[in-house]
């Protein structure tokens, strides 16, 4: 995997209670999605290493399969990777994913969320995206941070975290 172009260390992940770092990224349709435009909504923002790989596909399809539960919980789901919009469009279409996938090839937003991290596989160290999830509340503050999630356990962890939060106002159906 390519190393980050930035020589500065990746900042730590924003903690619950802190304002979520702003972002403006292209989705799979090459449309701009801004956190500021989602104010008033509860967001499940999940980071994944690479579209159409086994773990990422498992995680995305699990979210797809529980789309009604996410909708009932009143949340908007957004997935973030460093893939280009064209690759995200193919991934979304192939697996019929009912949520936006955001592209951050510069990794600037991924770094602001503290998710561009040193990883290790077979003793080799490299930089990559940590599989993690943030729940951002309607006021724009981080409500929960789920680091290093396993694809098969992701949804259960998210719903457990959502249950502990203040109920979301009804009428937000933005999946």
Protein backbone atom coordinates (compact mmCIF):
# COMPACT_ATOMS: atom_id res chain seq x y z
CA UNK A 1 0.00 0.00 0.00
CA UNK A 2 1.29 3.48 -0.74
CA UNK A 3 2.50 5.57 2.13
CA UNK A 4 0.81 8.81 3.00
CA UNK A 5 2.08 11.84 1.12
CA UNK A 6 2.05 13.73 4.40
CA UNK A 7 5.19 13.65 6.53
CA UNK A 8 3.31 14.87 9.59
CA UNK A 9 2.01 12.26 12.02
CA UNK A 10 -1.67 11.38 11.74
CA UNK A 11 -3.64 13.11 14.48
CA UNK A 12 -5.42 11.03 17.06
CA UNK A 13 -9.05 10.14 16.43
CA UNK A 14 -11.49 12.79 17.63
CA UNK A 15 -13.04 11.77 20.93
CA UNK A 16 -16.73 11.52 21.79
CA UNK A 17 -18.04 14.91 22.83
CA UNK A 18 -15.72 16.77 20.45
CA UNK A 19 -16.83 18.43 17.23
CA UNK A 20 -16.50 16.11 14.23
CA UNK A 21 -13.88 17.32 11.73
CA UNK A 22 -15.59 18.90 8.74
CA UNK A 23 -15.32 17.28 5.34
CA UNK A 24 -16.30 17.78 1.74
CA UNK A 25 -15.79 14.66 -0.38
CA UNK A 26 -17.02 13.24 -3.67
CA UNK A 27 -19.39 10.28 -3.55
CA UNK A 28 -19.73 7.43 -6.04
CA UNK A 29 -21.70 9.72 -8.38
CA UNK A 30 -18.94 12.36 -8.24
CA UNK A 31 -21.32 14.58 -6.20
CA UNK A 32 -19.97 16.59 -3.27
CA UNK A 33 -21.08 15.47 0.19
CA UNK A 34 -20.35 17.91 3.04
CA UNK A 35 -20.73 17.19 6.73
CA UNK A 36 -22.14 20.73 7.16
CA UNK A 37 -25.03 19.84 4.82
CA UNK A 38 -25.97 16.90 7.07
CA UNK A 39 -26.46 18.96 10.24
CA UNK A 40 -29.51 17.80 12.15
CA UNK A 41 -28.96 14.17 11.13
CA UNK A 42 -27.27 11.37 13.02
CA UNK A 43 -24.46 9.95 10.87
CA UNK A 44 -22.82 6.53 10.96
CA UNK A 45 -19.47 7.31 9.31
CA UNK A 46 -17.46 4.16 8.71
CA UNK A 47 -13.93 3.89 7.35
CA UNK A 48 -12.83 0.85 5.38
CA UNK A 49 -9.53 0.00 3.67
CA UNK A 50 -10.53 -0.74 0.07
CA UNK A 51 -13.70 -1.30 -1.95
CA UNK A 52 -14.53 -4.78 -3.25
CA UNK A 53 -12.08 -6.64 -1.02
CA UNK A 54 -13.31 -9.52 1.17
CA UNK A 55 -13.56 -7.76 4.57
CA UNK A 56 -14.88 -4.52 3.12
CA UNK A 57 -17.48 -6.37 1.06
CA UNK A 58 -18.60 -8.36 4.12
CA UNK A 59 -18.99 -5.14 6.11
CA UNK A 60 -20.78 -3.18 3.35
CA UNK A 61 -23.18 -6.04 2.55
CA UNK A 62 -23.98 -6.47 6.24
CA UNK A 63 -24.93 -2.79 6.42
CA UNK A 64 -26.99 -3.25 3.24
CA UNK A 65 -28.76 -6.26 4.72
CA UNK A 66 -29.68 -4.23 7.81
CA UNK A 67 -30.64 -1.07 5.90
CA UNK A 68 -34.17 -1.17 7.35
CA UNK A 69 -32.73 -1.24 10.87
CA UNK A 70 -30.48 1.74 10.11
CA UNK A 71 -33.43 3.61 8.63
CA UNK A 72 -35.58 2.78 11.67
CA UNK A 73 -32.76 4.10 13.88
CA UNK A 74 -32.93 7.38 11.93
CA UNK A 75 -29.31 7.43 10.79
CA UNK A 76 -27.54 8.24 7.55
CA UNK A 77 -24.77 5.77 6.71
CA UNK A 78 -21.64 6.94 4.87
CA UNK A 79 -18.64 4.77 4.00
CA UNK A 80 -15.19 6.34 3.45
CA UNK A 81 -12.14 4.94 1.66
CA UNK A 82 -9.29 6.27 -0.47
CA UNK A 83 -10.83 4.71 -3.62
CA UNK A 84 -11.76 6.94 -6.56
CA UNK A 85 -15.48 7.65 -7.22
CA UNK A 86 -15.52 5.35 -10.28
CA UNK A 87 -14.39 2.37 -8.19
CA UNK A 88 -16.94 3.26 -5.51
CA UNK A 89 -19.71 3.42 -8.14
CA UNK A 90 -18.83 -0.08 -9.36
CA UNK A 91 -18.71 -1.41 -5.77
CA UNK A 92 -22.07 0.18 -4.90
CA UNK A 93 -23.72 -1.15 -8.07
CA UNK A 94 -22.23 -4.66 -7.80
CA UNK A 95 -23.55 -5.15 -4.25
CA UNK A 96 -26.63 -2.88 -4.46
CA UNK A 97 -25.49 -0.76 -1.52
CA UNK A 98 -28.21 1.69 -0.40
CA UNK A 99 -25.86 4.31 1.07
CA UNK A 100 -23.24 6.75 -0.18
CA UNK A 101 -19.57 5.82 -0.43
CA UNK A 102 -17.16 8.74 -0.11
CA UNK A 103 -13.83 9.09 -1.88
CA UNK A 104 -10.75 10.52 -0.15
CA UNK A 105 -7.79 9.65 -2.40
CA UNK A 106 -5.69 12.40 -0.78
CA UNK A 107 -6.39 10.81 2.62
CA UNK A 108 -6.67 14.29 4.18
CA UNK A 109 -10.06 13.63 5.76
CA UNK A 110 -9.04 10.09 6.74
CA UNK A 111 -6.01 11.61 8.50
CA UNK A 112 -8.13 14.27 10.27
CA UNK A 113 -10.22 11.46 11.71
CA UNK A 114 -7.04 9.66 12.83
CA UNK A 115 -7.69 6.62 10.63
CA UNK A 116 -4.53 6.64 8.47
CA UNK A 117 -2.43 4.39 10.68
CA UNK A 118 0.56 2.11 10.71
CA UNK A 119 -0.50 -1.47 10.15
CA UNK A 120 1.40 -4.73 10.11
CA UNK A 121 0.93 -7.90 8.08
CA UNK A 122 3.31 -10.85 8.19
CA UNK A 123 5.85 -8.66 10.00
CA UNK A 124 5.80 -5.97 7.32
CA UNK A 125 4.75 -2.49 8.43
CA UNK A 126 2.83 -0.19 6.11
CA UNK A 127 0.36 2.69 6.28
CA UNK A 128 -3.34 2.03 5.71
CA UNK A 129 -6.89 2.87 6.69
CA UNK A 130 -8.07 1.54 10.03
CA UNK A 131 -11.51 -0.08 9.86
CA UNK A 132 -13.50 2.04 12.30
CA UNK A 133 -16.79 3.85 12.79
CA UNK A 134 -17.84 7.20 14.20
CA UNK A 135 -21.37 8.11 15.15
CA UNK A 136 -21.86 11.85 14.66
CA UNK A 137 -24.83 13.44 16.35
CA UNK A 138 -27.30 15.96 14.93
CA UNK A 139 -25.28 18.83 16.44
CA UNK A 140 -22.09 17.73 14.67
CA UNK A 141 -20.38 16.24 17.72
CA UNK A 142 -18.86 12.77 17.89
CA UNK A 143 -21.22 10.61 19.95
CA UNK A 144 -19.32 7.32 19.68
CA UNK A 145 -16.07 5.98 18.25
CA UNK A 146 -15.67 2.28 17.43
CA UNK A 147 -12.01 1.58 16.52
CA UNK A 148 -10.62 -1.54 14.84
CA UNK A 149 -14.01 -3.12 14.22
CA UNK A 150 -14.32 -6.56 12.70
CA UNK A 151 -16.54 -6.66 9.58
CA UNK A 152 -18.89 -9.36 10.92
CA UNK A 153 -19.33 -7.63 14.30
CA UNK A 154 -19.67 -4.06 12.99
CA UNK A 155 -23.45 -3.72 12.87
CA UNK A 156 -24.03 -5.19 16.33
CA UNK A 157 -21.49 -2.74 17.79
CA UNK A 158 -23.09 0.20 15.97
CA UNK A 159 -26.61 -0.67 17.12
CA UNK A 160 -25.42 -1.19 20.69
CA UNK A 161 -23.84 2.28 20.60
CA UNK A 162 -26.97 3.80 19.02
CA UNK A 163 -29.17 2.32 21.75
CA UNK A 164 -27.19 4.22 24.36
CA UNK A 165 -27.71 7.58 22.64
CA UNK A 166 -30.52 10.09 22.82
CA UNK A 167 -33.35 9.16 20.43
CA UNK A 168 -33.12 10.76 17.00
CA UNK A 169 -36.04 12.98 15.96
CA UNK A 170 -38.40 11.16 13.59
CA UNK A 171 -38.75 12.13 9.97
CA UNK A 172 -35.11 11.67 8.94
CA UNK A 173 -35.15 8.99 6.32
CA UNK A 174 -31.95 9.47 4.46
CA UNK A 175 -30.49 6.04 3.86
